[in-house]
């Protein structure tokens, strides 16, 4: 009897080991399949780039930043997705990484011929190492700046620190409700880091676009993916769509009204550009027939 009990006690262990082995084998198979899929996707993207050469490339300067288009300065071959490149921005040269560009959307994203955003060259190993050192210095600068802001009790919130590729300037982005006298802070930071210091005040929406995040819909923020500029949003747009006027549901991560409140309005431009804010047209039969809308009496501005 005792031998039978021992055999039964060992049996679940063996079955448990069998299940673990099967799970490990399944994990290895799935991992290999994913690697093959990624390789096939890279080959497909390379084929698209070779078949549909573009006069510009899409570049991301930071993981949370929006994709921007930079025109090619010469007729050299376009860099492939994933390569590090040096581009010309408003603040100066910057290092970014090329991301795939969909050929079907190339005409919409093509920059103008005289655009100041130009791809200068491919990044070298020294450029990548320099950028890594700059990132470490940006973290240290943010830590020091936060300590000095708290010591002086300045009514400002530090959002991000950025150092130019050539190391000539440190830019401190911050948000504040009003004007802040930060002249003494600039002097202390310049004495600490021995470089040019610039404090740039931004809005809360710009802060959300700079830091990134996910909205209540579960998708990345529109301002960090595709939104080009911020348009005015009012509570009237929510009333036109019969939405609940709950501030927690209508506000985004920035604390302001969500930009997507404009999307359900015609052309995303509100009532001033015509059309009704209700799905399927106006409530009284739609905007069809006559010079005025059948349901709203012409208040929506749409004419046939």
C-alpha atoms as a PDB file:
ATOM      1  CA  UNK A   1       0.000   0.000   0.000  1.00  0.00           C
ATOM      2  CA  UNK A   2       2.818   2.428   0.928  1.00  0.00           C
ATOM      3  CA  UNK A   3       4.568   1.688  -2.386  1.00  0.00           C
ATOM      4  CA  UNK A   4       1.318   2.446  -4.265  1.00  0.00           C
ATOM      5  CA  UNK A   5       0.970   5.743  -2.399  1.00  0.00           C
ATOM      6  CA  UNK A   6       4.536   6.694  -3.285  1.00  0.00           C
ATOM      7  CA  UNK A   7       3.915   5.912  -6.946  1.00  0.00           C
ATOM      8  CA  UNK A   8       0.787   8.034  -6.971  1.00  0.00           C
ATOM      9  CA  UNK A   9       2.561  10.884  -5.229  1.00  0.00           C
ATOM     10  CA  UNK A  10       5.310  10.866  -7.863  1.00  0.00           C
ATOM     11  CA  UNK A  11       2.902  10.720 -10.782  1.00  0.00           C
ATOM     12  CA  UNK A  12       1.668  14.365 -10.616  1.00  0.00           C
ATOM     13  CA  UNK A  13       5.255  15.578 -10.494  1.00  0.00           C
ATOM     14  CA  UNK A  14       6.122  13.747 -13.675  1.00  0.00           C
ATOM     15  CA  UNK A  15       3.010  15.075 -15.388  1.00  0.00           C
ATOM     16  CA  UNK A  16       3.873  18.555 -14.135  1.00  0.00           C
ATOM     17  CA  UNK A  17       7.356  18.299 -15.627  1.00  0.00           C
ATOM     18  CA  UNK A  18       5.805  17.099 -18.890  1.00  0.00           C
ATOM     19  CA  UNK A  19       3.514  20.090 -19.019  1.00  0.00           C
ATOM     20  CA  UNK A  20       6.427  22.447 -18.315  1.00  0.00           C
ATOM     21  CA  UNK A  21       8.450  20.848 -21.093  1.00  0.00           C
ATOM     22  CA  UNK A  22       5.566  21.241 -23.512  1.00  0.00           C
ATOM     23  CA  UNK A  23       5.118  24.889 -22.490  1.00  0.00           C
ATOM     24  CA  UNK A  24       8.813  25.548 -23.039  1.00  0.00           C
ATOM     25  CA  UNK A  25       8.717  23.909 -26.475  1.00  0.00           C
ATOM     26  CA  UNK A  26       5.655  25.973 -27.409  1.00  0.00           C
ATOM     27  CA  UNK A  27       7.404  29.134 -26.236  1.00  0.00           C
ATOM     28  CA  UNK A  28      10.476  28.352 -28.348  1.00  0.00           C
ATOM     29  CA  UNK A  29       8.318  27.668 -31.415  1.00  0.00           C
ATOM     30  CA  UNK A  30       6.346  30.903 -30.984  1.00  0.00           C
ATOM     31  CA  UNK A  31       9.549  32.903 -30.483  1.00  0.00           C
ATOM     32  CA  UNK A  32      11.073  31.447 -33.637  1.00  0.00           C
ATOM     33  CA  UNK A  33       7.894  32.248 -35.581  1.00  0.00           C
ATOM     34  CA  UNK A  34       7.946  35.840 -34.348  1.00  0.00           C
ATOM     35  CA  UNK A  35      11.589  36.233 -35.369  1.00  0.00           C
ATOM     36  CA  UNK A  36      10.809  34.932 -38.839  1.00  0.00           C
ATOM     37  CA  UNK A  37       7.836  37.307 -39.086  1.00  0.00           C
ATOM     38  CA  UNK A  38       9.982  40.307 -38.147  1.00  0.00           C
ATOM     39  CA  UNK A  39      12.619  39.327 -40.686  1.00  0.00           C
ATOM     40  CA  UNK A  40       9.993  38.940 -43.393  1.00  0.00           C
ATOM     41  CA  UNK A  41       8.552  42.348 -42.502  1.00  0.00           C
ATOM     42  CA  UNK A  42      11.997  43.949 -42.782  1.00  0.00           C
ATOM     43  CA  UNK A  43      12.510  42.345 -46.195  1.00  0.00           C
ATOM     44  CA  UNK A  44       9.093  43.583 -47.326  1.00  0.00           C
ATOM     45  CA  UNK A  45       9.818  47.119 -46.098  1.00  0.00           C
ATOM     46  CA  UNK A  46      13.168  47.066 -47.900  1.00  0.00           C
ATOM     47  CA  UNK A  47      11.426  45.992 -51.100  1.00  0.00           C
ATOM     48  CA  UNK A  48       8.928  48.824 -50.780  1.00  0.00           C
ATOM     49  CA  UNK A  49      11.719  51.345 -50.304  1.00  0.00           C
ATOM     50  CA  UNK A  50      13.582  50.055 -53.348  1.00  0.00           C
ATOM     51  CA  UNK A  51      10.472  49.848 -55.535  1.00  0.00           C
ATOM     52  CA  UNK A  52       9.040  53.214 -54.476  1.00  0.00           C
ATOM     53  CA  UNK A  53      11.953  55.609 -53.904  1.00  0.00           C
ATOM     54  CA  UNK A  54      10.881  58.754 -52.077  1.00  0.00           C
ATOM     55  CA  UNK A  55      12.439  62.186 -51.906  1.00  0.00           C
ATOM     56  CA  UNK A  56      12.030  62.238 -48.128  1.00  0.00           C
ATOM     57  CA  UNK A  57      12.199  59.973 -45.100  1.00  0.00           C
ATOM     58  CA  UNK A  58      10.143  59.688 -41.911  1.00  0.00           C
ATOM     59  CA  UNK A  59      12.175  60.123 -38.745  1.00  0.00           C
ATOM     60  CA  UNK A  60      11.431  59.844 -35.034  1.00  0.00           C
ATOM     61  CA  UNK A  61      13.605  61.950 -32.766  1.00  0.00           C
ATOM     62  CA  UNK A  62      12.374  60.270 -29.567  1.00  0.00           C
ATOM     63  CA  UNK A  63      10.386  57.104 -28.799  1.00  0.00           C
ATOM     64  CA  UNK A  64       7.371  59.118 -27.631  1.00  0.00           C
ATOM     65  CA  UNK A  65       7.660  61.813 -30.290  1.00  0.00           C
ATOM     66  CA  UNK A  66       5.639  62.241 -33.436  1.00  0.00           C
ATOM     67  CA  UNK A  67       6.980  61.039 -36.782  1.00  0.00           C
ATOM     68  CA  UNK A  68       8.304  63.903 -38.883  1.00  0.00           C
ATOM     69  CA  UNK A  69       9.250  64.041 -42.531  1.00  0.00           C
ATOM     70  CA  UNK A  70      12.645  65.301 -43.703  1.00  0.00           C
ATOM     71  CA  UNK A  71      13.562  65.854 -47.316  1.00  0.00           C
ATOM     72  CA  UNK A  72      16.765  64.417 -48.755  1.00  0.00           C
ATOM     73  CA  UNK A  73      19.501  66.953 -49.400  1.00  0.00           C
ATOM     74  CA  UNK A  74      21.017  65.032 -52.340  1.00  0.00           C
ATOM     75  CA  UNK A  75      20.340  62.069 -54.611  1.00  0.00           C
ATOM     76  CA  UNK A  76      22.044  59.541 -52.335  1.00  0.00           C
ATOM     77  CA  UNK A  77      20.157  56.315 -51.520  1.00  0.00           C
ATOM     78  CA  UNK A  78      17.526  56.685 -48.819  1.00  0.00           C
ATOM     79  CA  UNK A  79      18.410  55.186 -45.430  1.00  0.00           C
ATOM     80  CA  UNK A  80      16.484  52.081 -44.465  1.00  0.00           C
ATOM     81  CA  UNK A  81      14.045  51.940 -41.554  1.00  0.00           C
ATOM     82  CA  UNK A  82      15.836  51.536 -38.250  1.00  0.00           C
ATOM     83  CA  UNK A  83      18.983  53.413 -39.268  1.00  0.00           C
ATOM     84  CA  UNK A  84      20.209  56.341 -37.178  1.00  0.00           C
ATOM     85  CA  UNK A  85      20.446  59.634 -39.086  1.00  0.00           C
ATOM     86  CA  UNK A  86      21.332  63.260 -38.424  1.00  0.00           C
ATOM     87  CA  UNK A  87      18.595  65.747 -39.365  1.00  0.00           C
ATOM     88  CA  UNK A  88      18.321  69.524 -39.309  1.00  0.00           C
ATOM     89  CA  UNK A  89      15.659  70.854 -36.937  1.00  0.00           C
ATOM     90  CA  UNK A  90      14.664  74.329 -35.780  1.00  0.00           C
ATOM     91  CA  UNK A  91      17.005  74.035 -32.790  1.00  0.00           C
ATOM     92  CA  UNK A  92      19.888  72.583 -34.793  1.00  0.00           C
ATOM     93  CA  UNK A  93      21.175  69.139 -35.799  1.00  0.00           C
ATOM     94  CA  UNK A  94      19.561  66.198 -34.000  1.00  0.00           C
ATOM     95  CA  UNK A  95      19.853  62.432 -34.052  1.00  0.00           C
ATOM     96  CA  UNK A  96      16.827  60.310 -34.917  1.00  0.00           C
ATOM     97  CA  UNK A  97      15.840  56.943 -36.322  1.00  0.00           C
ATOM     98  CA  UNK A  98      14.185  56.269 -39.655  1.00  0.00           C
ATOM     99  CA  UNK A  99      10.728  54.674 -39.544  1.00  0.00           C
ATOM    100  CA  UNK A 100       8.823  53.088 -42.456  1.00  0.00           C
ATOM    101  CA  UNK A 101       6.853  55.368 -44.764  1.00  0.00           C
ATOM    102  CA  UNK A 102       3.696  53.992 -46.383  1.00  0.00           C
ATOM    103  CA  UNK A 103       3.909  54.675 -50.142  1.00  0.00           C
ATOM    104  CA  UNK A 104       0.137  55.199 -50.392  1.00  0.00           C
ATOM    105  CA  UNK A 105       0.406  58.143 -47.964  1.00  0.00           C
ATOM    106  CA  UNK A 106       3.606  59.584 -49.394  1.00  0.00           C
ATOM    107  CA  UNK A 107       1.886  62.433 -51.240  1.00  0.00           C
ATOM    108  CA  UNK A 108       0.163  63.617 -48.072  1.00  0.00           C
ATOM    109  CA  UNK A 109       3.313  63.559 -45.976  1.00  0.00           C
ATOM    110  CA  UNK A 110       5.709  64.913 -48.557  1.00  0.00           C
ATOM    111  CA  UNK A 111       7.410  68.081 -47.228  1.00  0.00           C
ATOM    112  CA  UNK A 112       7.607  71.209 -49.349  1.00  0.00           C
ATOM    113  CA  UNK A 113      10.663  71.683 -51.536  1.00  0.00           C
ATOM    114  CA  UNK A 114      12.012  74.607 -49.502  1.00  0.00           C
ATOM    115  CA  UNK A 115      11.412  73.005 -46.119  1.00  0.00           C
ATOM    116  CA  UNK A 116      14.082  73.645 -43.482  1.00  0.00           C
ATOM    117  CA  UNK A 117      13.766  70.058 -42.235  1.00  0.00           C
ATOM    118  CA  UNK A 118      16.553  68.290 -44.126  1.00  0.00           C
ATOM    119  CA  UNK A 119      18.280  64.949 -43.637  1.00  0.00           C
ATOM    120  CA  UNK A 120      21.971  65.780 -43.374  1.00  0.00           C
ATOM    121  CA  UNK A 121      23.675  62.376 -43.259  1.00  0.00           C
ATOM    122  CA  UNK A 122      23.700  58.935 -41.706  1.00  0.00           C
ATOM    123  CA  UNK A 123      24.741  58.864 -38.068  1.00  0.00           C
ATOM    124  CA  UNK A 124      28.127  57.409 -37.236  1.00  0.00           C
ATOM    125  CA  UNK A 125      29.088  55.328 -34.223  1.00  0.00           C
ATOM    126  CA  UNK A 126      30.548  58.429 -32.559  1.00  0.00           C
ATOM    127  CA  UNK A 127      27.222  60.241 -33.023  1.00  0.00           C
ATOM    128  CA  UNK A 128      25.315  57.445 -31.301  1.00  0.00           C
ATOM    129  CA  UNK A 129      27.789  57.351 -28.398  1.00  0.00           C
ATOM    130  CA  UNK A 130      27.601  61.132 -28.080  1.00  0.00           C
ATOM    131  CA  UNK A 131      23.815  60.999 -27.957  1.00  0.00           C
ATOM    132  CA  UNK A 132      23.923  58.382 -25.197  1.00  0.00           C
ATOM    133  CA  UNK A 133      26.219  60.651 -23.180  1.00  0.00           C
ATOM    134  CA  UNK A 134      23.837  63.545 -23.758  1.00  0.00           C
ATOM    135  CA  UNK A 135      20.916  61.499 -22.471  1.00  0.00           C
ATOM    136  CA  UNK A 136      22.836  60.782 -19.274  1.00  0.00           C
ATOM    137  CA  UNK A 137      23.633  64.486 -18.902  1.00  0.00           C
ATOM    138  CA  UNK A 138      19.984  65.402 -19.516  1.00  0.00           C
ATOM    139  CA  UNK A 139      18.915  63.173 -16.630  1.00  0.00           C
ATOM    140  CA  UNK A 140      21.515  64.754 -14.357  1.00  0.00           C
ATOM    141  CA  UNK A 141      20.459  68.249 -15.451  1.00  0.00           C
ATOM    142  CA  UNK A 142      16.814  67.454 -14.733  1.00  0.00           C
ATOM    143  CA  UNK A 143      17.712  66.225 -11.248  1.00  0.00           C
ATOM    144  CA  UNK A 144      19.734  69.354 -10.451  1.00  0.00           C
ATOM    145  CA  UNK A 145      17.098  71.678 -11.894  1.00  0.00           C
ATOM    146  CA  UNK A 146      14.334  70.075  -9.812  1.00  0.00           C
ATOM    147  CA  UNK A 147      16.371  70.564  -6.633  1.00  0.00           C
ATOM    148  CA  UNK A 148      17.039  74.227  -7.414  1.00  0.00           C
ATOM    149  CA  UNK A 149      13.387  74.863  -8.346  1.00  0.00           C
ATOM    150  CA  UNK A 150      12.272  73.438  -4.999  1.00  0.00           C
ATOM    151  CA  UNK A 151      14.904  75.425  -3.106  1.00  0.00           C
ATOM    152  CA  UNK A 152      13.688  78.688  -4.625  1.00  0.00           C
ATOM    153  CA  UNK A 153       9.999  77.753  -4.489  1.00  0.00           C
ATOM    154  CA  UNK A 154       9.411  78.717  -8.106  1.00  0.00           C
ATOM    155  CA  UNK A 155       5.842  78.063  -9.368  1.00  0.00           C
ATOM    156  CA  UNK A 156       6.938  75.991 -12.335  1.00  0.00           C
ATOM    157  CA  UNK A 157       6.910  72.323 -13.345  1.00  0.00           C
ATOM    158  CA  UNK A 158       9.878  70.897 -15.225  1.00  0.00           C
ATOM    159  CA  UNK A 159       8.721  68.784 -18.164  1.00  0.00           C
ATOM    160  CA  UNK A 160      11.838  67.782 -20.061  1.00  0.00           C
ATOM    161  CA  UNK A 161      15.514  68.599 -20.555  1.00  0.00           C
ATOM    162  CA  UNK A 162      17.072  68.477 -24.009  1.00  0.00           C
ATOM    163  CA  UNK A 163      20.681  68.940 -25.067  1.00  0.00           C
ATOM    164  CA  UNK A 164      21.648  69.806 -28.611  1.00  0.00           C
ATOM    165  CA  UNK A 165      23.739  67.343 -30.565  1.00  0.00           C
ATOM    166  CA  UNK A 166      26.785  69.612 -30.555  1.00  0.00           C
ATOM    167  CA  UNK A 167      26.472  70.089 -26.779  1.00  0.00           C
ATOM    168  CA  UNK A 168      26.311  73.877 -27.069  1.00  0.00           C
ATOM    169  CA  UNK A 169      23.027  74.365 -25.215  1.00  0.00           C
ATOM    170  CA  UNK A 170      20.757  72.783 -22.598  1.00  0.00           C
ATOM    171  CA  UNK A 171      17.043  73.469 -23.078  1.00  0.00           C
ATOM    172  CA  UNK A 172      14.728  73.141 -20.072  1.00  0.00           C
ATOM    173  CA  UNK A 173      11.044  72.829 -20.986  1.00  0.00           C
ATOM    174  CA  UNK A 174       8.629  73.739 -18.207  1.00  0.00           C
ATOM    175  CA  UNK A 175       4.978  74.579 -17.631  1.00  0.00           C
ATOM    176  CA  UNK A 176       3.612  77.350 -15.412  1.00  0.00           C
ATOM    177  CA  UNK A 177       0.316  79.143 -14.939  1.00  0.00           C
ATOM    178  CA  UNK A 178       1.868  82.589 -15.335  1.00  0.00           C
ATOM    179  CA  UNK A 179       5.146  84.352 -15.869  1.00  0.00           C
ATOM    180  CA  UNK A 180       8.096  83.129 -13.798  1.00  0.00           C
ATOM    181  CA  UNK A 181      11.240  85.081 -12.935  1.00  0.00           C
ATOM    182  CA  UNK A 182      13.909  82.429 -13.482  1.00  0.00           C
ATOM    183  CA  UNK A 183      16.931  84.643 -14.088  1.00  0.00           C
ATOM    184  CA  UNK A 184      18.722  83.485 -10.935  1.00  0.00           C
ATOM    185  CA  UNK A 185      17.923  79.879 -11.817  1.00  0.00           C
ATOM    186  CA  UNK A 186      19.520  80.315 -15.242  1.00  0.00           C
ATOM    187  CA  UNK A 187      22.681  81.717 -13.674  1.00  0.00           C
ATOM    188  CA  UNK A 188      22.974  78.806 -11.258  1.00  0.00           C
ATOM    189  CA  UNK A 189      22.409  76.216 -13.994  1.00  0.00           C
ATOM    190  CA  UNK A 190      24.972  77.898 -16.263  1.00  0.00           C
ATOM    191  CA  UNK A 191      27.521  77.847 -13.443  1.00  0.00           C
ATOM    192  CA  UNK A 192      26.734  74.195 -12.753  1.00  0.00           C
ATOM    193  CA  UNK A 193      26.956  72.828 -16.318  1.00  0.00           C
ATOM    194  CA  UNK A 194      29.237  75.429 -17.989  1.00  0.00           C
ATOM    195  CA  UNK A 195      27.125  75.742 -21.111  1.00  0.00           C
ATOM    196  CA  UNK A 196      24.359  77.900 -22.526  1.00  0.00           C
ATOM    197  CA  UNK A 197      21.035  77.520 -20.722  1.00  0.00           C
ATOM    198  CA  UNK A 198      17.589  78.156 -22.179  1.00  0.00           C
ATOM    199  CA  UNK A 199      14.349  77.873 -20.202  1.00  0.00           C
ATOM    200  CA  UNK A 200      11.390  77.476 -22.536  1.00  0.00           C
ATOM    201  CA  UNK A 201       7.831  77.745 -21.221  1.00  0.00           C
ATOM    202  CA  UNK A 202       5.318  75.458 -22.930  1.00  0.00           C
ATOM    203  CA  UNK A 203       1.625  74.673 -22.506  1.00  0.00           C
ATOM    204  CA  UNK A 204       0.132  71.601 -20.898  1.00  0.00           C
ATOM    205  CA  UNK A 205      -0.850  70.215 -24.303  1.00  0.00           C
ATOM    206  CA  UNK A 206       2.695  70.597 -25.539  1.00  0.00           C
ATOM    207  CA  UNK A 207       3.854  68.784 -22.407  1.00  0.00           C
ATOM    208  CA  UNK A 208       1.529  65.838 -23.138  1.00  0.00           C
ATOM    209  CA  UNK A 209       2.752  65.718 -26.740  1.00  0.00           C
ATOM    210  CA  UNK A 210       6.364  65.793 -25.553  1.00  0.00           C
ATOM    211  CA  UNK A 211       6.035  63.071 -22.897  1.00  0.00           C
ATOM    212  CA  UNK A 212       3.510  60.824 -24.677  1.00  0.00           C
ATOM    213  CA  UNK A 213       1.050  58.396 -23.161  1.00  0.00           C
ATOM    214  CA  UNK A 214      -2.213  56.553 -23.795  1.00  0.00           C
ATOM    215  CA  UNK A 215      -5.691  57.996 -23.838  1.00  0.00           C
ATOM    216  CA  UNK A 216      -8.869  56.594 -22.350  1.00  0.00           C
ATOM    217  CA  UNK A 217      -9.521  54.864 -25.685  1.00  0.00           C
ATOM    218  CA  UNK A 218      -6.441  52.690 -25.149  1.00  0.00           C
ATOM    219  CA  UNK A 219      -4.518  54.147 -28.084  1.00  0.00           C
ATOM    220  CA  UNK A 220      -1.451  56.438 -28.062  1.00  0.00           C
ATOM    221  CA  UNK A 221      -2.211  60.127 -27.815  1.00  0.00           C
ATOM    222  CA  UNK A 222      -3.194  61.759 -31.089  1.00  0.00           C
ATOM    223  CA  UNK A 223      -0.777  64.628 -30.475  1.00  0.00           C
ATOM    224  CA  UNK A 224       2.161  62.205 -30.305  1.00  0.00           C
ATOM    225  CA  UNK A 225       1.232  60.182 -33.399  1.00  0.00           C
ATOM    226  CA  UNK A 226      -0.390  62.172 -36.187  1.00  0.00           C
ATOM    227  CA  UNK A 227      -1.904  65.458 -34.977  1.00  0.00           C
ATOM    228  CA  UNK A 228      -0.042  68.340 -36.608  1.00  0.00           C
ATOM    229  CA  UNK A 229      -1.341  71.252 -34.527  1.00  0.00           C
ATOM    230  CA  UNK A 230      -3.731  71.980 -31.682  1.00  0.00           C
ATOM    231  CA  UNK A 231      -7.147  73.352 -32.654  1.00  0.00           C
ATOM    232  CA  UNK A 232      -9.560  75.119 -30.296  1.00  0.00           C
ATOM    233  CA  UNK A 233     -11.910  72.782 -28.434  1.00  0.00           C
ATOM    234  CA  UNK A 234     -14.942  74.019 -26.482  1.00  0.00           C
ATOM    235  CA  UNK A 235     -17.536  72.429 -24.231  1.00  0.00           C
ATOM    236  CA  UNK A 236     -20.128  73.381 -26.843  1.00  0.00           C
ATOM    237  CA  UNK A 237     -18.792  70.623 -29.082  1.00  0.00           C
ATOM    238  CA  UNK A 238     -19.580  68.053 -26.395  1.00  0.00           C
ATOM    239  CA  UNK A 239     -23.106  69.458 -25.969  1.00  0.00           C
ATOM    240  CA  UNK A 240     -23.744  69.229 -29.711  1.00  0.00           C
ATOM    241  CA  UNK A 241     -22.922  65.509 -29.566  1.00  0.00           C
ATOM    242  CA  UNK A 242     -25.145  64.935 -26.505  1.00  0.00           C
ATOM    243  CA  UNK A 243     -22.169  63.729 -24.461  1.00  0.00           C
ATOM    244  CA  UNK A 244     -22.075  63.541 -20.697  1.00  0.00           C
ATOM    245  CA  UNK A 245     -20.606  66.756 -19.316  1.00  0.00           C
ATOM    246  CA  UNK A 246     -18.418  64.880 -16.848  1.00  0.00           C
ATOM    247  CA  UNK A 247     -15.022  66.623 -16.672  1.00  0.00           C
ATOM    248  CA  UNK A 248     -13.195  63.358 -15.949  1.00  0.00           C
ATOM    249  CA  UNK A 249     -14.524  61.862 -19.200  1.00  0.00           C
ATOM    250  CA  UNK A 250     -14.070  64.922 -21.370  1.00  0.00           C
ATOM    251  CA  UNK A 251     -10.527  65.769 -20.221  1.00  0.00           C
ATOM    252  CA  UNK A 252      -7.367  64.200 -21.588  1.00  0.00           C
ATOM    253  CA  UNK A 253      -4.023  63.526 -19.946  1.00  0.00           C
ATOM    254  CA  UNK A 254      -3.140  67.201 -20.268  1.00  0.00           C
ATOM    255  CA  UNK A 255      -6.137  68.220 -18.152  1.00  0.00           C
ATOM    256  CA  UNK A 256      -7.775  70.070 -21.063  1.00  0.00           C
ATOM    257  CA  UNK A 257     -10.703  69.047 -23.216  1.00  0.00           C
ATOM    258  CA  UNK A 258      -9.895  66.123 -25.484  1.00  0.00           C
ATOM    259  CA  UNK A 259      -8.912  67.003 -29.037  1.00  0.00           C
ATOM    260  CA  UNK A 260     -11.082  64.137 -30.281  1.00  0.00           C
ATOM    261  CA  UNK A 261     -14.231  66.090 -29.378  1.00  0.00           C
ATOM    262  CA  UNK A 262     -13.780  67.756 -32.776  1.00  0.00           C
ATOM    263  CA  UNK A 263     -13.637  64.503 -34.714  1.00  0.00           C
ATOM    264  CA  UNK A 264     -17.379  63.798 -34.682  1.00  0.00           C
ATOM    265  CA  UNK A 265     -18.150  67.240 -36.015  1.00  0.00           C
ATOM    266  CA  UNK A 266     -18.244  67.629 -39.830  1.00  0.00           C
ATOM    267  CA  UNK A 267     -14.755  67.942 -41.248  1.00  0.00           C
ATOM    268  CA  UNK A 268     -13.480  68.278 -37.690  1.00  0.00           C
ATOM    269  CA  UNK A 269     -14.046  72.040 -37.899  1.00  0.00           C
ATOM    270  CA  UNK A 270     -17.188  72.644 -35.810  1.00  0.00           C
ATOM    271  CA  UNK A 271     -20.454  74.235 -36.891  1.00  0.00           C
ATOM    272  CA  UNK A 272     -18.798  77.200 -38.606  1.00  0.00           C
ATOM    273  CA  UNK A 273     -17.809  74.951 -41.499  1.00  0.00           C
ATOM    274  CA  UNK A 274     -21.261  73.430 -42.006  1.00  0.00           C
ATOM    275  CA  UNK A 275     -22.869  70.082 -41.338  1.00  0.00           C
ATOM    276  CA  UNK A 276     -24.566  68.560 -38.296  1.00  0.00           C
ATOM    277  CA  UNK A 277     -22.845  67.094 -35.290  1.00  0.00           C
ATOM    278  CA  UNK A 278     -25.182  64.090 -35.024  1.00  0.00           C
ATOM    279  CA  UNK A 279     -24.374  60.773 -36.627  1.00  0.00           C
ATOM    280  CA  UNK A 280     -26.276  60.164 -39.822  1.00  0.00           C
ATOM    281  CA  UNK A 281     -27.065  63.814 -40.407  1.00  0.00           C
ATOM    282  CA  UNK A 282     -29.728  65.954 -38.777  1.00  0.00           C
ATOM    283  CA  UNK A 283     -32.473  64.509 -36.624  1.00  0.00           C
ATOM    284  CA  UNK A 284     -35.296  65.579 -38.906  1.00  0.00           C
ATOM    285  CA  UNK A 285     -34.566  63.574 -42.026  1.00  0.00           C
ATOM    286  CA  UNK A 286     -31.102  64.766 -42.831  1.00  0.00           C
ATOM    287  CA  UNK A 287     -29.824  67.620 -44.939  1.00  0.00           C
ATOM    288  CA  UNK A 288     -31.459  66.625 -48.173  1.00  0.00           C
ATOM    289  CA  UNK A 289     -33.905  68.681 -50.104  1.00  0.00           C
ATOM    290  CA  UNK A 290     -34.400  72.367 -50.635  1.00  0.00           C
ATOM    291  CA  UNK A 291     -32.063  75.123 -49.691  1.00  0.00           C
ATOM    292  CA  UNK A 292     -32.305  74.436 -45.980  1.00  0.00           C
ATOM    293  CA  UNK A 293     -31.874  71.415 -43.799  1.00  0.00           C
ATOM    294  CA  UNK A 294     -35.094  69.489 -43.198  1.00  0.00           C
ATOM    295  CA  UNK A 295     -34.379  68.928 -39.524  1.00  0.00           C
ATOM    296  CA  UNK A 296     -32.571  71.947 -38.153  1.00  0.00           C
ATOM    297  CA  UNK A 297     -34.054  74.681 -40.329  1.00  0.00           C
ATOM    298  CA  UNK A 298     -30.775  75.551 -41.938  1.00  0.00           C
ATOM    299  CA  UNK A 299     -28.912  76.139 -38.701  1.00  0.00           C
ATOM    300  CA  UNK A 300     -26.211  73.636 -39.652  1.00  0.00           C
ATOM    301  CA  UNK A 301     -25.255  75.675 -42.689  1.00  0.00           C
ATOM    302  CA  UNK A 302     -25.325  72.800 -45.168  1.00  0.00           C
ATOM    303  CA  UNK A 303     -26.841  73.420 -48.587  1.00  0.00           C
ATOM    304  CA  UNK A 304     -27.397  71.070 -51.463  1.00  0.00           C
END
